[in-house]
Full PDB file with SEQRES, HELIX, SHEET, SSBOND, CRYST1, ORIGX, SCALE, CONECT and MASTER records, all heavy atoms in Angstrom:
SEQRES   1 A   47  PRO MET ARG LEU THR HIS ALA ALA LEU GLY ALA MET LEU          
SEQRES   2 A   47  ALA ARG GLY HIS GLY ARG ILE ILE ASN VAL ALA SER VAL          
SEQRES   3 A   47  ALA ALA PHE ILE PRO ARG SER THR TYR GLY ALA CYS LYS          
SEQRES   4 A   47  GLY TRP LEU VAL SER PHE SER ARG                              
HELIX    1 AA1 MET A    2  ARG A   15  1                                  14    
HELIX    2 AA2 VAL A   26  PHE A   29  5                                   4    
HELIX    3 AA3 SER A   33  SER A   46  1                                  14    
CRYST1    1.000    1.000    1.000  90.00  90.00  90.00 P 1           1          
ORIGX1      1.000000  0.000000  0.000000        0.00000                         
ORIGX2      0.000000  1.000000  0.000000        0.00000                         
ORIGX3      0.000000  0.000000  1.000000        0.00000                         
SCALE1      1.000000  0.000000  0.000000        0.00000                         
SCALE2      0.000000  1.000000  0.000000        0.00000                         
SCALE3      0.000000  0.000000  1.000000        0.00000                         
ATOM      1  N   PRO A   1       0.805  -1.230   0.000  1.00  0.00           N  
ATOM      2  CA  PRO A   1       0.000   0.000   0.000  1.00  0.00           C  
ATOM      3  C   PRO A   1       0.832   1.272   0.000  1.00  0.00           C  
ATOM      4  O   PRO A   1       0.421   2.286  -0.567  1.00  0.00           O  
ATOM      5  CB  PRO A   1      -0.851  -0.116   1.275  1.00  0.00           C  
ATOM      6  CG  PRO A   1      -0.232  -1.180   2.087  1.00  0.00           C  
ATOM      7  CD  PRO A   1       0.471  -2.093   1.149  1.00  0.00           C  
ATOM      8  N   MET A   2       2.031   1.235   0.616  1.00  0.00           N  
ATOM      9  CA  MET A   2       2.898   2.398   0.573  1.00  0.00           C  
ATOM     10  C   MET A   2       3.334   2.697  -0.866  1.00  0.00           C  
ATOM     11  O   MET A   2       3.274   3.844  -1.326  1.00  0.00           O  
ATOM     12  CB  MET A   2       4.129   2.192   1.457  1.00  0.00           C  
ATOM     13  CG  MET A   2       5.083   3.383   1.462  1.00  0.00           C  
ATOM     14  SD  MET A   2       6.482   3.158   2.606  1.00  0.00           S  
ATOM     15  CE  MET A   2       7.352   1.789   1.835  1.00  0.00           C  
ATOM     16  N   ARG A   3       3.735   1.665  -1.591  1.00  0.00           N  
ATOM     17  CA  ARG A   3       4.166   1.863  -2.977  1.00  0.00           C  
ATOM     18  C   ARG A   3       3.014   2.331  -3.865  1.00  0.00           C  
ATOM     19  O   ARG A   3       3.178   3.239  -4.696  1.00  0.00           O  
ATOM     20  CB  ARG A   3       4.765   0.571  -3.528  1.00  0.00           C  
ATOM     21  CG  ARG A   3       6.142   0.221  -2.973  1.00  0.00           C  
ATOM     22  CD  ARG A   3       6.677  -1.053  -3.602  1.00  0.00           C  
ATOM     23  NE  ARG A   3       7.977  -1.426  -3.100  1.00  0.00           N  
ATOM     24  CZ  ARG A   3       9.137  -0.953  -3.564  1.00  0.00           C  
ATOM     25  NH1 ARG A   3       9.126  -0.083  -4.572  1.00  0.00           N  
ATOM     26  NH2 ARG A   3      10.284  -1.348  -3.054  1.00  0.00           N  
ATOM     27  N   LEU A   4       1.850   1.717  -3.713  1.00  0.00           N  
ATOM     28  CA  LEU A   4       0.720   2.098  -4.552  1.00  0.00           C  
ATOM     29  C   LEU A   4       0.213   3.495  -4.216  1.00  0.00           C  
ATOM     30  O   LEU A   4      -0.177   4.258  -5.106  1.00  0.00           O  
ATOM     31  CB  LEU A   4      -0.402   1.072  -4.417  1.00  0.00           C  
ATOM     32  CG  LEU A   4      -0.092  -0.336  -4.944  1.00  0.00           C  
ATOM     33  CD1 LEU A   4      -1.315  -1.235  -4.815  1.00  0.00           C  
ATOM     34  CD2 LEU A   4       0.390  -0.310  -6.387  1.00  0.00           C  
ATOM     35  N   THR A   5       0.223   3.835  -2.940  1.00  0.00           N  
ATOM     36  CA  THR A   5      -0.168   5.193  -2.549  1.00  0.00           C  
ATOM     37  C   THR A   5       0.796   6.215  -3.138  1.00  0.00           C  
ATOM     38  O   THR A   5       0.375   7.264  -3.656  1.00  0.00           O  
ATOM     39  CB  THR A   5      -0.213   5.311  -1.017  1.00  0.00           C  
ATOM     40  OG1 THR A   5      -1.217   4.431  -0.504  1.00  0.00           O  
ATOM     41  CG2 THR A   5      -0.515   6.735  -0.579  1.00  0.00           C  
ATOM     42  N   HIS A   6       2.078   5.924  -3.069  1.00  0.00           N  
ATOM     43  CA  HIS A   6       3.083   6.828  -3.649  1.00  0.00           C  
ATOM     44  C   HIS A   6       2.849   7.000  -5.141  1.00  0.00           C  
ATOM     45  O   HIS A   6       2.905   8.119  -5.678  1.00  0.00           O  
ATOM     46  CB  HIS A   6       4.482   6.277  -3.378  1.00  0.00           C  
ATOM     47  CG  HIS A   6       5.586   7.194  -3.776  1.00  0.00           C  
ATOM     48  ND1 HIS A   6       6.187   7.140  -5.018  1.00  0.00           N  
ATOM     49  CD2 HIS A   6       6.202   8.196  -3.090  1.00  0.00           C  
ATOM     50  CE1 HIS A   6       7.126   8.062  -5.072  1.00  0.00           C  
ATOM     51  NE2 HIS A   6       7.154   8.720  -3.936  1.00  0.00           N  
ATOM     52  N   ALA A   7       2.561   5.891  -5.823  1.00  0.00           N  
ATOM     53  CA  ALA A   7       2.314   5.949  -7.264  1.00  0.00           C  
ATOM     54  C   ALA A   7       1.063   6.759  -7.582  1.00  0.00           C  
ATOM     55  O   ALA A   7       1.023   7.519  -8.559  1.00  0.00           O  
ATOM     56  CB  ALA A   7       2.179   4.536  -7.829  1.00  0.00           C  
ATOM     57  N   ALA A   8       0.025   6.613  -6.752  1.00  0.00           N  
ATOM     58  CA  ALA A   8      -1.242   7.311  -7.003  1.00  0.00           C  
ATOM     59  C   ALA A   8      -1.133   8.803  -6.752  1.00  0.00           C  
ATOM     60  O   ALA A   8      -1.743   9.614  -7.458  1.00  0.00           O  
ATOM     61  CB  ALA A   8      -2.351   6.716  -6.134  1.00  0.00           C  
ATOM     62  N   LEU A   9      -0.367   9.190  -5.745  1.00  0.00           N  
ATOM     63  CA  LEU A   9      -0.342  10.586  -5.319  1.00  0.00           C  
ATOM     64  C   LEU A   9       0.165  11.523  -6.412  1.00  0.00           C  
ATOM     65  O   LEU A   9      -0.343  12.638  -6.551  1.00  0.00           O  
ATOM     66  CB  LEU A   9       0.518  10.744  -4.067  1.00  0.00           C  
ATOM     67  CG  LEU A   9      -0.165  10.398  -2.750  1.00  0.00           C  
ATOM     68  CD1 LEU A   9       0.853  10.380  -1.615  1.00  0.00           C  
ATOM     69  CD2 LEU A   9      -1.291  11.376  -2.442  1.00  0.00           C  
ATOM     70  N   GLY A  10       1.151  11.088  -7.184  1.00  0.00           N  
ATOM     71  CA  GLY A  10       1.700  11.972  -8.212  1.00  0.00           C  
ATOM     72  C   GLY A  10       0.629  12.476  -9.163  1.00  0.00           C  
ATOM     73  O   GLY A  10       0.458  13.685  -9.357  1.00  0.00           O  
ATOM     74  N   ALA A  11      -0.127  11.526  -9.739  1.00  0.00           N  
ATOM     75  CA  ALA A  11      -1.167  11.912 -10.704  1.00  0.00           C  
ATOM     76  C   ALA A  11      -2.328  12.613 -10.018  1.00  0.00           C  
ATOM     77  O   ALA A  11      -2.899  13.573 -10.550  1.00  0.00           O  
ATOM     78  CB  ALA A  11      -1.652  10.670 -11.451  1.00  0.00           C  
ATOM     79  N   MET A  12      -2.713  12.147  -8.821  1.00  0.00           N  
ATOM     80  CA  MET A  12      -3.843  12.756  -8.125  1.00  0.00           C  
ATOM     81  C   MET A  12      -3.558  14.194  -7.736  1.00  0.00           C  
ATOM     82  O   MET A  12      -4.401  15.092  -7.914  1.00  0.00           O  
ATOM     83  CB  MET A  12      -4.202  11.931  -6.883  1.00  0.00           C  
ATOM     84  CG  MET A  12      -4.854  10.598  -7.180  1.00  0.00           C  
ATOM     85  SD  MET A  12      -5.241   9.686  -5.643  1.00  0.00           S  
ATOM     86  CE  MET A  12      -6.095   8.246  -6.303  1.00  0.00           C  
ATOM     87  N   LEU A  13      -2.383  14.459  -7.197  1.00  0.00           N  
ATOM     88  CA  LEU A  13      -2.042  15.821  -6.792  1.00  0.00           C  
ATOM     89  C   LEU A  13      -1.924  16.748  -7.997  1.00  0.00           C  
ATOM     90  O   LEU A  13      -2.291  17.924  -7.926  1.00  0.00           O  
ATOM     91  CB  LEU A  13      -0.743  15.821  -5.989  1.00  0.00           C  
ATOM     92  CG  LEU A  13      -0.839  15.174  -4.599  1.00  0.00           C  
ATOM     93  CD1 LEU A  13       0.550  15.037  -3.979  1.00  0.00           C  
ATOM     94  CD2 LEU A  13      -1.763  15.974  -3.684  1.00  0.00           C  
ATOM     95  N   ALA A  14      -1.422  16.217  -9.109  1.00  0.00           N  
ATOM     96  CA  ALA A  14      -1.330  17.033 -10.325  1.00  0.00           C  
ATOM     97  C   ALA A  14      -2.721  17.439 -10.816  1.00  0.00           C  
ATOM     98  O   ALA A  14      -2.908  18.551 -11.319  1.00  0.00           O  
ATOM     99  CB  ALA A  14      -0.581  16.261 -11.414  1.00  0.00           C  
ATOM    100  N   ARG A  15      -3.704  16.520 -10.672  1.00  0.00           N  
ATOM    101  CA  ARG A  15      -5.086  16.835 -11.080  1.00  0.00           C  
ATOM    102  C   ARG A  15      -5.809  17.673 -10.046  1.00  0.00           C  
ATOM    103  O   ARG A  15      -6.787  18.353 -10.350  1.00  0.00           O  
ATOM    104  CB  ARG A  15      -5.883  15.542 -11.288  1.00  0.00           C  
ATOM    105  CG  ARG A  15      -5.453  14.667 -12.430  1.00  0.00           C  
ATOM    106  CD  ARG A  15      -6.529  13.631 -12.743  1.00  0.00           C  
ATOM    107  NE  ARG A  15      -6.991  12.901 -11.566  1.00  0.00           N  
ATOM    108  CZ  ARG A  15      -6.456  11.758 -11.115  1.00  0.00           C  
ATOM    109  NH1 ARG A  15      -5.398  11.250 -11.739  1.00  0.00           N  
ATOM    110  NH2 ARG A  15      -6.949  11.162 -10.059  1.00  0.00           N  
ATOM    111  N   GLY A  16      -5.389  17.552  -8.788  1.00  0.00           N  
ATOM    112  CA  GLY A  16      -6.046  18.275  -7.714  1.00  0.00           C  
ATOM    113  C   GLY A  16      -7.212  17.541  -7.098  1.00  0.00           C  
ATOM    114  O   GLY A  16      -8.003  18.137  -6.351  1.00  0.00           O  
ATOM    115  N   HIS A  17      -7.315  16.236  -7.353  1.00  0.00           N  
ATOM    116  CA  HIS A  17      -8.376  15.449  -6.704  1.00  0.00           C  
ATOM    117  C   HIS A  17      -8.063  13.955  -6.801  1.00  0.00           C  
ATOM    118  O   HIS A  17      -7.375  13.492  -7.707  1.00  0.00           O  
ATOM    119  CB  HIS A  17      -9.763  15.747  -7.304  1.00  0.00           C  
ATOM    120  CG  HIS A  17      -9.840  15.594  -8.791  1.00  0.00           C  
ATOM    121  ND1 HIS A  17     -10.078  14.394  -9.425  1.00  0.00           N  
ATOM    122  CD2 HIS A  17      -9.691  16.514  -9.776  1.00  0.00           C  
ATOM    123  CE1 HIS A  17     -10.080  14.576 -10.731  1.00  0.00           C  
ATOM    124  NE2 HIS A  17      -9.852  15.855 -10.979  1.00  0.00           N  
ATOM    125  N   GLY A  18      -8.602  13.217  -5.823  1.00  0.00           N  
ATOM    126  CA  GLY A  18      -8.418  11.769  -5.768  1.00  0.00           C  
ATOM    127  C   GLY A  18      -8.695  11.272  -4.358  1.00  0.00           C  
ATOM    128  O   GLY A  18      -8.662  12.046  -3.393  1.00  0.00           O  
ATOM    129  N   ARG A  19      -8.980   9.984  -4.254  1.00  0.00           N  
ATOM    130  CA  ARG A  19      -9.262   9.385  -2.950  1.00  0.00           C  
ATOM    131  C   ARG A  19      -8.495   8.068  -2.817  1.00  0.00           C  
ATOM    132  O   ARG A  19      -8.481   7.263  -3.750  1.00  0.00           O  
ATOM    133  CB  ARG A  19     -10.762   9.143  -2.764  1.00  0.00           C  
ATOM    134  CG  ARG A  19     -11.598  10.420  -2.851  1.00  0.00           C  
ATOM    135  CD  ARG A  19     -13.020  10.184  -2.375  1.00  0.00           C  
ATOM    136  NE  ARG A  19     -13.886  11.343  -2.596  1.00  0.00           N  
ATOM    137  CZ  ARG A  19     -13.959  12.389  -1.793  1.00  0.00           C  
ATOM    138  NH1 ARG A  19     -13.176  12.452  -0.722  1.00  0.00           N  
ATOM    139  NH2 ARG A  19     -14.786  13.390  -2.042  1.00  0.00           N  
ATOM    140  N   ILE A  20      -7.903   7.872  -1.654  1.00  0.00           N  
ATOM    141  CA  ILE A  20      -7.162   6.647  -1.364  1.00  0.00           C  
ATOM    142  C   ILE A  20      -7.765   6.021  -0.108  1.00  0.00           C  
ATOM    143  O   ILE A  20      -7.943   6.692   0.906  1.00  0.00           O  
ATOM    144  CB  ILE A  20      -5.664   6.939  -1.157  1.00  0.00           C  
ATOM    145  CG1 ILE A  20      -5.056   7.500  -2.454  1.00  0.00           C  
ATOM    146  CG2 ILE A  20      -4.914   5.667  -0.722  1.00  0.00           C  
ATOM    147  CD1 ILE A  20      -3.636   8.026  -2.288  1.00  0.00           C  
ATOM    148  N   ILE A  21      -8.087   4.732  -0.218  1.00  0.00           N  
ATOM    149  CA  ILE A  21      -8.617   3.971   0.914  1.00  0.00           C  
ATOM    150  C   ILE A  21      -7.597   2.900   1.286  1.00  0.00           C  
ATOM    151  O   ILE A  21      -7.196   2.097   0.434  1.00  0.00           O  
ATOM    152  CB  ILE A  21      -9.964   3.298   0.566  1.00  0.00           C  
ATOM    153  CG1 ILE A  21     -11.022   4.345   0.215  1.00  0.00           C  
ATOM    154  CG2 ILE A  21     -10.433   2.404   1.705  1.00  0.00           C  
ATOM    155  CD1 ILE A  21     -12.324   3.743  -0.297  1.00  0.00           C  
ATOM    156  N   ASN A  22      -7.179   2.893   2.528  1.00  0.00           N  
ATOM    157  CA  ASN A  22      -6.311   1.833   3.048  1.00  0.00           C  
ATOM    158  C   ASN A  22      -7.122   0.988   4.019  1.00  0.00           C  
ATOM    159  O   ASN A  22      -7.518   1.477   5.082  1.00  0.00           O  
ATOM    160  CB  ASN A  22      -5.097   2.433   3.761  1.00  0.00           C  
ATOM    161  CG  ASN A  22      -4.152   3.123   2.799  1.00  0.00           C  
ATOM    162  OD1 ASN A  22      -3.899   2.633   1.698  1.00  0.00           O  
ATOM    163  ND2 ASN A  22      -3.625   4.269   3.197  1.00  0.00           N  
ATOM    164  N   VAL A  23      -7.405  -0.246   3.636  1.00  0.00           N  
ATOM    165  CA  VAL A  23      -8.208  -1.109   4.501  1.00  0.00           C  
ATOM    166  C   VAL A  23      -7.316  -1.630   5.628  1.00  0.00           C  
ATOM    167  O   VAL A  23      -6.413  -2.432   5.412  1.00  0.00           O  
ATOM    168  CB  VAL A  23      -8.840  -2.265   3.713  1.00  0.00           C  
ATOM    169  CG1 VAL A  23      -9.633  -3.180   4.662  1.00  0.00           C  
ATOM    170  CG2 VAL A  23      -9.769  -1.712   2.628  1.00  0.00           C  
ATOM    171  N   ALA A  24      -7.567  -1.131   6.825  1.00  0.00           N  
ATOM    172  CA  ALA A  24      -6.810  -1.525   8.008  1.00  0.00           C  
ATOM    173  C   ALA A  24      -7.682  -2.458   8.844  1.00  0.00           C  
ATOM    174  O   ALA A  24      -8.285  -3.391   8.313  1.00  0.00           O  
ATOM    175  CB  ALA A  24      -6.361  -0.294   8.791  1.00  0.00           C  
ATOM    176  N   SER A  25      -7.787  -2.216  10.145  1.00  0.00           N  
ATOM    177  CA  SER A  25      -8.553  -3.095  11.020  1.00  0.00           C  
ATOM    178  C   SER A  25      -8.630  -2.455  12.401  1.00  0.00           C  
ATOM    179  O   SER A  25      -7.757  -1.665  12.782  1.00  0.00           O  
ATOM    180  CB  SER A  25      -7.876  -4.460  11.124  1.00  0.00           C  
ATOM    181  OG  SER A  25      -8.418  -5.241  12.157  1.00  0.00           O  
ATOM    182  N   VAL A  26      -9.645  -2.831  13.187  1.00  0.00           N  
ATOM    183  CA  VAL A  26      -9.655  -2.396  14.579  1.00  0.00           C  
ATOM    184  C   VAL A  26      -8.466  -2.986  15.333  1.00  0.00           C  
ATOM    185  O   VAL A  26      -8.107  -2.498  16.407  1.00  0.00           O  
ATOM    186  CB  VAL A  26     -10.968  -2.771  15.293  1.00  0.00           C  
ATOM    187  CG1 VAL A  26     -12.142  -2.024  14.708  1.00  0.00           C  
ATOM    188  CG2 VAL A  26     -11.212  -4.275  15.270  1.00  0.00           C  
ATOM    189  N   ALA A  27      -7.842  -4.018  14.764  1.00  0.00           N  
ATOM    190  CA  ALA A  27      -6.625  -4.565  15.377  1.00  0.00           C  
ATOM    191  C   ALA A  27      -5.517  -3.522  15.453  1.00  0.00           C  
ATOM    192  O   ALA A  27      -4.563  -3.681  16.217  1.00  0.00           O  
ATOM    193  CB  ALA A  27      -6.138  -5.782  14.594  1.00  0.00           C  
ATOM    194  N   ALA A  28      -5.630  -2.451  14.678  1.00  0.00           N  
ATOM    195  CA  ALA A  28      -4.654  -1.363  14.748  1.00  0.00           C  
ATOM    196  C   ALA A  28      -4.633  -0.717  16.125  1.00  0.00           C  
ATOM    197  O   ALA A  28      -3.625  -0.118  16.529  1.00  0.00           O  
ATOM    198  CB  ALA A  28      -4.963  -0.312  13.694  1.00  0.00           C  
ATOM    199  N   PHE A  29      -5.743  -0.826  16.861  1.00  0.00           N  
ATOM    200  CA  PHE A  29      -5.870  -0.157  18.153  1.00  0.00           C  
ATOM    201  C   PHE A  29      -5.765  -1.129  19.333  1.00  0.00           C  
ATOM    202  O   PHE A  29      -5.823  -0.710  20.485  1.00  0.00           O  
ATOM    203  CB  PHE A  29      -7.217   0.570  18.230  1.00  0.00           C  
ATOM    204  CG  PHE A  29      -7.471   1.478  17.064  1.00  0.00           C  
ATOM    205  CD1 PHE A  29      -8.260   1.074  16.000  1.00  0.00           C  
ATOM    206  CD2 PHE A  29      -6.884   2.738  17.016  1.00  0.00           C  
ATOM    207  CE1 PHE A  29      -8.490   1.906  14.913  1.00  0.00           C  
ATOM    208  CE2 PHE A  29      -7.110   3.580  15.929  1.00  0.00           C  
ATOM    209  CZ  PHE A  29      -7.902   3.164  14.879  1.00  0.00           C  
ATOM    210  N   ILE A  30      -5.646  -2.422  19.010  1.00  0.00           N  
ATOM    211  CA  ILE A  30      -5.607  -3.460  20.036  1.00  0.00           C  
ATOM    212  C   ILE A  30      -4.417  -4.367  19.747  1.00  0.00           C  
ATOM    213  O   ILE A  30      -4.316  -4.893  18.632  1.00  0.00           O  
ATOM    214  CB  ILE A  30      -6.910  -4.282  20.022  1.00  0.00           C  
ATOM    215  CG1 ILE A  30      -8.120  -3.376  20.245  1.00  0.00           C  
ATOM    216  CG2 ILE A  30      -6.863  -5.388  21.086  1.00  0.00           C  
ATOM    217  CD1 ILE A  30      -9.448  -4.063  19.970  1.00  0.00           C  
ATOM    218  N   PRO A  31      -3.488  -4.579  20.686  1.00  0.00           N  
ATOM    219  CA  PRO A  31      -2.321  -5.421  20.406  1.00  0.00           C  
ATOM    220  C   PRO A  31      -2.738  -6.789  19.877  1.00  0.00           C  
ATOM    221  O   PRO A  31      -3.506  -7.506  20.519  1.00  0.00           O  
ATOM    222  CB  PRO A  31      -1.628  -5.536  21.772  1.00  0.00           C  
ATOM    223  CG  PRO A  31      -2.074  -4.340  22.530  1.00  0.00           C  
ATOM    224  CD  PRO A  31      -3.483  -4.072  22.078  1.00  0.00           C  
ATOM    225  N   ARG A  32      -2.259  -7.142  18.682  1.00  0.00           N  
ATOM    226  CA  ARG A  32      -2.649  -8.410  18.053  1.00  0.00           C  
ATOM    227  C   ARG A  32      -1.538  -8.883  17.125  1.00  0.00           C  
ATOM    228  O   ARG A  32      -1.648  -8.834  15.907  1.00  0.00           O  
ATOM    229  CB  ARG A  32      -3.972  -8.244  17.320  1.00  0.00           C  
ATOM    230  CG  ARG A  32      -4.605  -9.576  16.908  1.00  0.00           C  
ATOM    231  CD  ARG A  32      -6.025  -9.373  16.432  1.00  0.00           C  
ATOM    232  NE  ARG A  32      -6.579 -10.593  15.857  1.00  0.00           N  
ATOM    233  CZ  ARG A  32      -7.139 -11.567  16.567  1.00  0.00           C  
ATOM    234  NH1 ARG A  32      -7.213 -11.468  17.873  1.00  0.00           N  
ATOM    235  NH2 ARG A  32      -7.613 -12.636  15.954  1.00  0.00           N  
ATOM    236  N   SER A  33      -0.427  -9.302  17.702  1.00  0.00           N  
ATOM    237  CA  SER A  33       0.722  -9.834  16.974  1.00  0.00           C  
ATOM    238  C   SER A  33       1.116  -8.889  15.833  1.00  0.00           C  
ATOM    239  O   SER A  33       0.912  -7.682  15.914  1.00  0.00           O  
ATOM    240  CB  SER A  33       0.419 -11.245  16.469  1.00  0.00           C  
ATOM    241  OG  SER A  33       1.582 -11.878  15.983  1.00  0.00           O  
ATOM    242  N   THR A  34       1.684  -9.425  14.768  1.00  0.00           N  
ATOM    243  CA  THR A  34       2.170  -8.574  13.691  1.00  0.00           C  
ATOM    244  C   THR A  34       1.032  -8.025  12.825  1.00  0.00           C  
ATOM    245  O   THR A  34       1.212  -7.032  12.120  1.00  0.00           O  
ATOM    246  CB  THR A  34       3.163  -9.335  12.796  1.00  0.00           C  
ATOM    247  OG1 THR A  34       2.577 -10.580  12.376  1.00  0.00           O  
ATOM    248  CG2 THR A  34       4.451  -9.641  13.560  1.00  0.00           C  
ATOM    249  N   TYR A  35      -0.142  -8.666  12.876  1.00  0.00           N  
ATOM    250  CA  TYR A  35      -1.290  -8.143  12.121  1.00  0.00           C  
ATOM    251  C   TYR A  35      -1.684  -6.768  12.650  1.00  0.00           C  
ATOM    252  O   TYR A  35      -1.848  -5.807  11.890  1.00  0.00           O  
ATOM    253  CB  TYR A  35      -2.461  -9.117  12.213  1.00  0.00           C  
ATOM    254  CG  TYR A  35      -3.654  -8.717  11.382  1.00  0.00           C  
ATOM    255  CD1 TYR A  35      -3.660  -8.905  10.003  1.00  0.00           C  
ATOM    256  CD2 TYR A  35      -4.789  -8.158  11.968  1.00  0.00           C  
ATOM    257  CE1 TYR A  35      -4.747  -8.540   9.229  1.00  0.00           C  
ATOM    258  CE2 TYR A  35      -5.882  -7.793  11.204  1.00  0.00           C  
ATOM    259  CZ  TYR A  35      -5.857  -7.988   9.836  1.00  0.00           C  
ATOM    260  OH  TYR A  35      -6.945  -7.611   9.072  1.00  0.00           O  
ATOM    261  N   GLY A  36      -1.829  -6.664  13.970  1.00  0.00           N  
ATOM    262  CA  GLY A  36      -2.154  -5.374  14.564  1.00  0.00           C  
ATOM    263  C   GLY A  36      -1.073  -4.342  14.320  1.00  0.00           C  
ATOM    264  O   GLY A  36      -1.363  -3.159  14.091  1.00  0.00           O  
ATOM    265  N   ALA A  37       0.195  -4.783  14.336  1.00  0.00           N  
ATOM    266  CA  ALA A  37       1.298  -3.849  14.104  1.00  0.00           C  
ATOM    267  C   ALA A  37       1.254  -3.289  12.687  1.00  0.00           C  
ATOM    268  O   ALA A  37       1.439  -2.084  12.464  1.00  0.00           O  
ATOM    269  CB  ALA A  37       2.632  -4.555  14.360  1.00  0.00           C  
ATOM    270  N   CYS A  38       0.993  -4.164  11.708  1.00  0.00           N  
ATOM    271  CA  CYS A  38       0.907  -3.705  10.317  1.00  0.00           C  
ATOM    272  C   CYS A  38      -0.255  -2.737  10.116  1.00  0.00           C  
ATOM    273  O   CYS A  38      -0.119  -1.687   9.467  1.00  0.00           O  
ATOM    274  CB  CYS A  38       0.728  -4.901   9.380  1.00  0.00           C  
ATOM    275  SG  CYS A  38       2.173  -5.957   9.189  1.00  0.00           S  
ATOM    276  N   LYS A  39      -1.407  -3.083  10.699  1.00  0.00           N  
ATOM    277  CA  LYS A  39      -2.575  -2.228  10.540  1.00  0.00           C  
ATOM    278  C   LYS A  39      -2.398  -0.906  11.293  1.00  0.00           C  
ATOM    279  O   LYS A  39      -2.908   0.134  10.871  1.00  0.00           O  
ATOM    280  CB  LYS A  39      -3.824  -2.960  11.011  1.00  0.00           C  
ATOM    281  CG  LYS A  39      -4.164  -4.203  10.191  1.00  0.00           C  
ATOM    282  CD  LYS A  39      -4.290  -3.899   8.709  1.00  0.00           C  
ATOM    283  CE  LYS A  39      -4.818  -5.084   7.929  1.00  0.00           C  
ATOM    284  NZ  LYS A  39      -4.961  -4.795   6.474  1.00  0.00           N  
ATOM    285  N   GLY A  40      -1.652  -0.946  12.411  1.00  0.00           N  
ATOM    286  CA  GLY A  40      -1.347   0.297  13.117  1.00  0.00           C  
ATOM    287  C   GLY A  40      -0.531   1.240  12.249  1.00  0.00           C  
ATOM    288  O   GLY A  40      -0.740   2.465  12.272  1.00  0.00           O  
ATOM    289  N   TRP A  41       0.395   0.690  11.486  1.00  0.00           N  
ATOM    290  CA  TRP A  41       1.186   1.515  10.562  1.00  0.00           C  
ATOM    291  C   TRP A  41       0.261   2.170   9.534  1.00  0.00           C  
ATOM    292  O   TRP A  41       0.378   3.374   9.250  1.00  0.00           O  
ATOM    293  CB  TRP A  41       2.236   0.666   9.852  1.00  0.00           C  
ATOM    294  CG  TRP A  41       3.152   1.473   8.979  1.00  0.00           C  
ATOM    295  CD1 TRP A  41       4.349   2.014   9.315  1.00  0.00           C  
ATOM    296  CD2 TRP A  41       2.910   1.848   7.601  1.00  0.00           C  
ATOM    297  NE1 TRP A  41       4.868   2.703   8.242  1.00  0.00           N  
ATOM    298  CE2 TRP A  41       4.020   2.628   7.184  1.00  0.00           C  
ATOM    299  CE3 TRP A  41       1.883   1.610   6.695  1.00  0.00           C  
ATOM    300  CZ2 TRP A  41       4.114   3.150   5.905  1.00  0.00           C  
ATOM    301  CZ3 TRP A  41       1.970   2.140   5.417  1.00  0.00           C  
ATOM    302  CH2 TRP A  41       3.077   2.903   5.033  1.00  0.00           C  
ATOM    303  N   LEU A  42      -0.664   1.386   8.975  1.00  0.00           N  
ATOM    304  CA  LEU A  42      -1.573   1.923   7.963  1.00  0.00           C  
ATOM    305  C   LEU A  42      -2.419   3.070   8.512  1.00  0.00           C  
ATOM    306  O   LEU A  42      -2.632   4.076   7.839  1.00  0.00           O  
ATOM    307  CB  LEU A  42      -2.505   0.823   7.459  1.00  0.00           C  
ATOM    308  CG  LEU A  42      -2.126   0.038   6.209  1.00  0.00           C  
ATOM    309  CD1 LEU A  42      -3.231  -0.947   5.861  1.00  0.00           C  
ATOM    310  CD2 LEU A  42      -1.825   0.948   5.036  1.00  0.00           C  
ATOM    311  N   VAL A  43      -2.907   2.911   9.743  1.00  0.00           N  
ATOM    312  CA  VAL A  43      -3.731   3.957  10.333  1.00  0.00           C  
ATOM    313  C   VAL A  43      -2.907   5.224  10.562  1.00  0.00           C  
ATOM    314  O   VAL A  43      -3.335   6.335  10.218  1.00  0.00           O  
ATOM    315  CB  VAL A  43      -4.356   3.477  11.655  1.00  0.00           C  
ATOM    316  CG1 VAL A  43      -4.994   4.641  12.417  1.00  0.00           C  
ATOM    317  CG2 VAL A  43      -5.402   2.397  11.379  1.00  0.00           C  
ATOM    318  N   SER A  44      -1.721   5.071  11.136  1.00  0.00           N  
ATOM    319  CA  SER A  44      -0.882   6.235  11.402  1.00  0.00           C  
ATOM    320  C   SER A  44      -0.501   6.952  10.109  1.00  0.00           C  
ATOM    321  O   SER A  44      -0.586   8.182  10.006  1.00  0.00           O  
ATOM    322  CB  SER A  44       0.380   5.799  12.156  1.00  0.00           C  
ATOM    323  OG  SER A  44       1.222   6.905  12.417  1.00  0.00           O  
ATOM    324  N   PHE A  45      -0.110   6.198   9.108  1.00  0.00           N  
ATOM    325  CA  PHE A  45       0.272   6.783   7.823  1.00  0.00           C  
ATOM    326  C   PHE A  45      -0.909   7.480   7.158  1.00  0.00           C  
ATOM    327  O   PHE A  45      -0.784   8.597   6.642  1.00  0.00           O  
ATOM    328  CB  PHE A  45       0.830   5.697   6.905  1.00  0.00           C  
ATOM    329  CG  PHE A  45       1.143   6.168   5.511  1.00  0.00           C  
ATOM    330  CD1 PHE A  45       2.168   7.068   5.290  1.00  0.00           C  
ATOM    331  CD2 PHE A  45       0.400   5.715   4.425  1.00  0.00           C  
ATOM    332  CE1 PHE A  45       2.459   7.513   3.998  1.00  0.00           C  
ATOM    333  CE2 PHE A  45       0.682   6.155   3.143  1.00  0.00           C  
ATOM    334  CZ  PHE A  45       1.711   7.054   2.934  1.00  0.00           C  
ATOM    335  N   SER A  46      -2.077   6.835   7.188  1.00  0.00           N  
ATOM    336  CA  SER A  46      -3.265   7.411   6.545  1.00  0.00           C  
ATOM    337  C   SER A  46      -3.685   8.704   7.236  1.00  0.00           C  
ATOM    338  O   SER A  46      -4.055   9.678   6.570  1.00  0.00           O  
ATOM    339  CB  SER A  46      -4.420   6.404   6.565  1.00  0.00           C  
ATOM    340  OG  SER A  46      -4.081   5.228   5.865  1.00  0.00           O  
ATOM    341  N   ARG A  47      -3.632   8.701   8.564  1.00  0.00           N  
ATOM    342  CA  ARG A  47      -4.004   9.910   9.306  1.00  0.00           C  
ATOM    343  C   ARG A  47      -3.079  11.074   8.934  1.00  0.00           C  
ATOM    344  O   ARG A  47      -3.531  12.200   8.700  1.00  0.00           O  
ATOM    345  CB  ARG A  47      -3.950   9.616  10.809  1.00  0.00           C  
ATOM    346  CG  ARG A  47      -4.401  10.786  11.661  1.00  0.00           C  
ATOM    347  CD  ARG A  47      -4.336  10.453  13.130  1.00  0.00           C  
ATOM    348  NE  ARG A  47      -5.469   9.657  13.559  1.00  0.00           N  
ATOM    349  CZ  ARG A  47      -5.388   8.473  14.144  1.00  0.00           C  
ATOM    350  NH1 ARG A  47      -4.201   7.921  14.342  1.00  0.00           N  
ATOM    351  NH2 ARG A  47      -6.467   7.830  14.530  1.00  0.00           N  
TER     352      ARG A  47                                                      
MASTER        0    0    0    3    0    0    0    6  351    1    0    4          
END                                                                             
């Protein structure tokens, strides 16, 4: 998702519009092995 978001942003910012959805999980807010850690990264980055 980091690579695809980076790829999308160039064209979207040049046009002045676009939407990116990163499907995370409530596990981002609750310790849950590496799944929660990965989803926590997505939430922090998206915010």
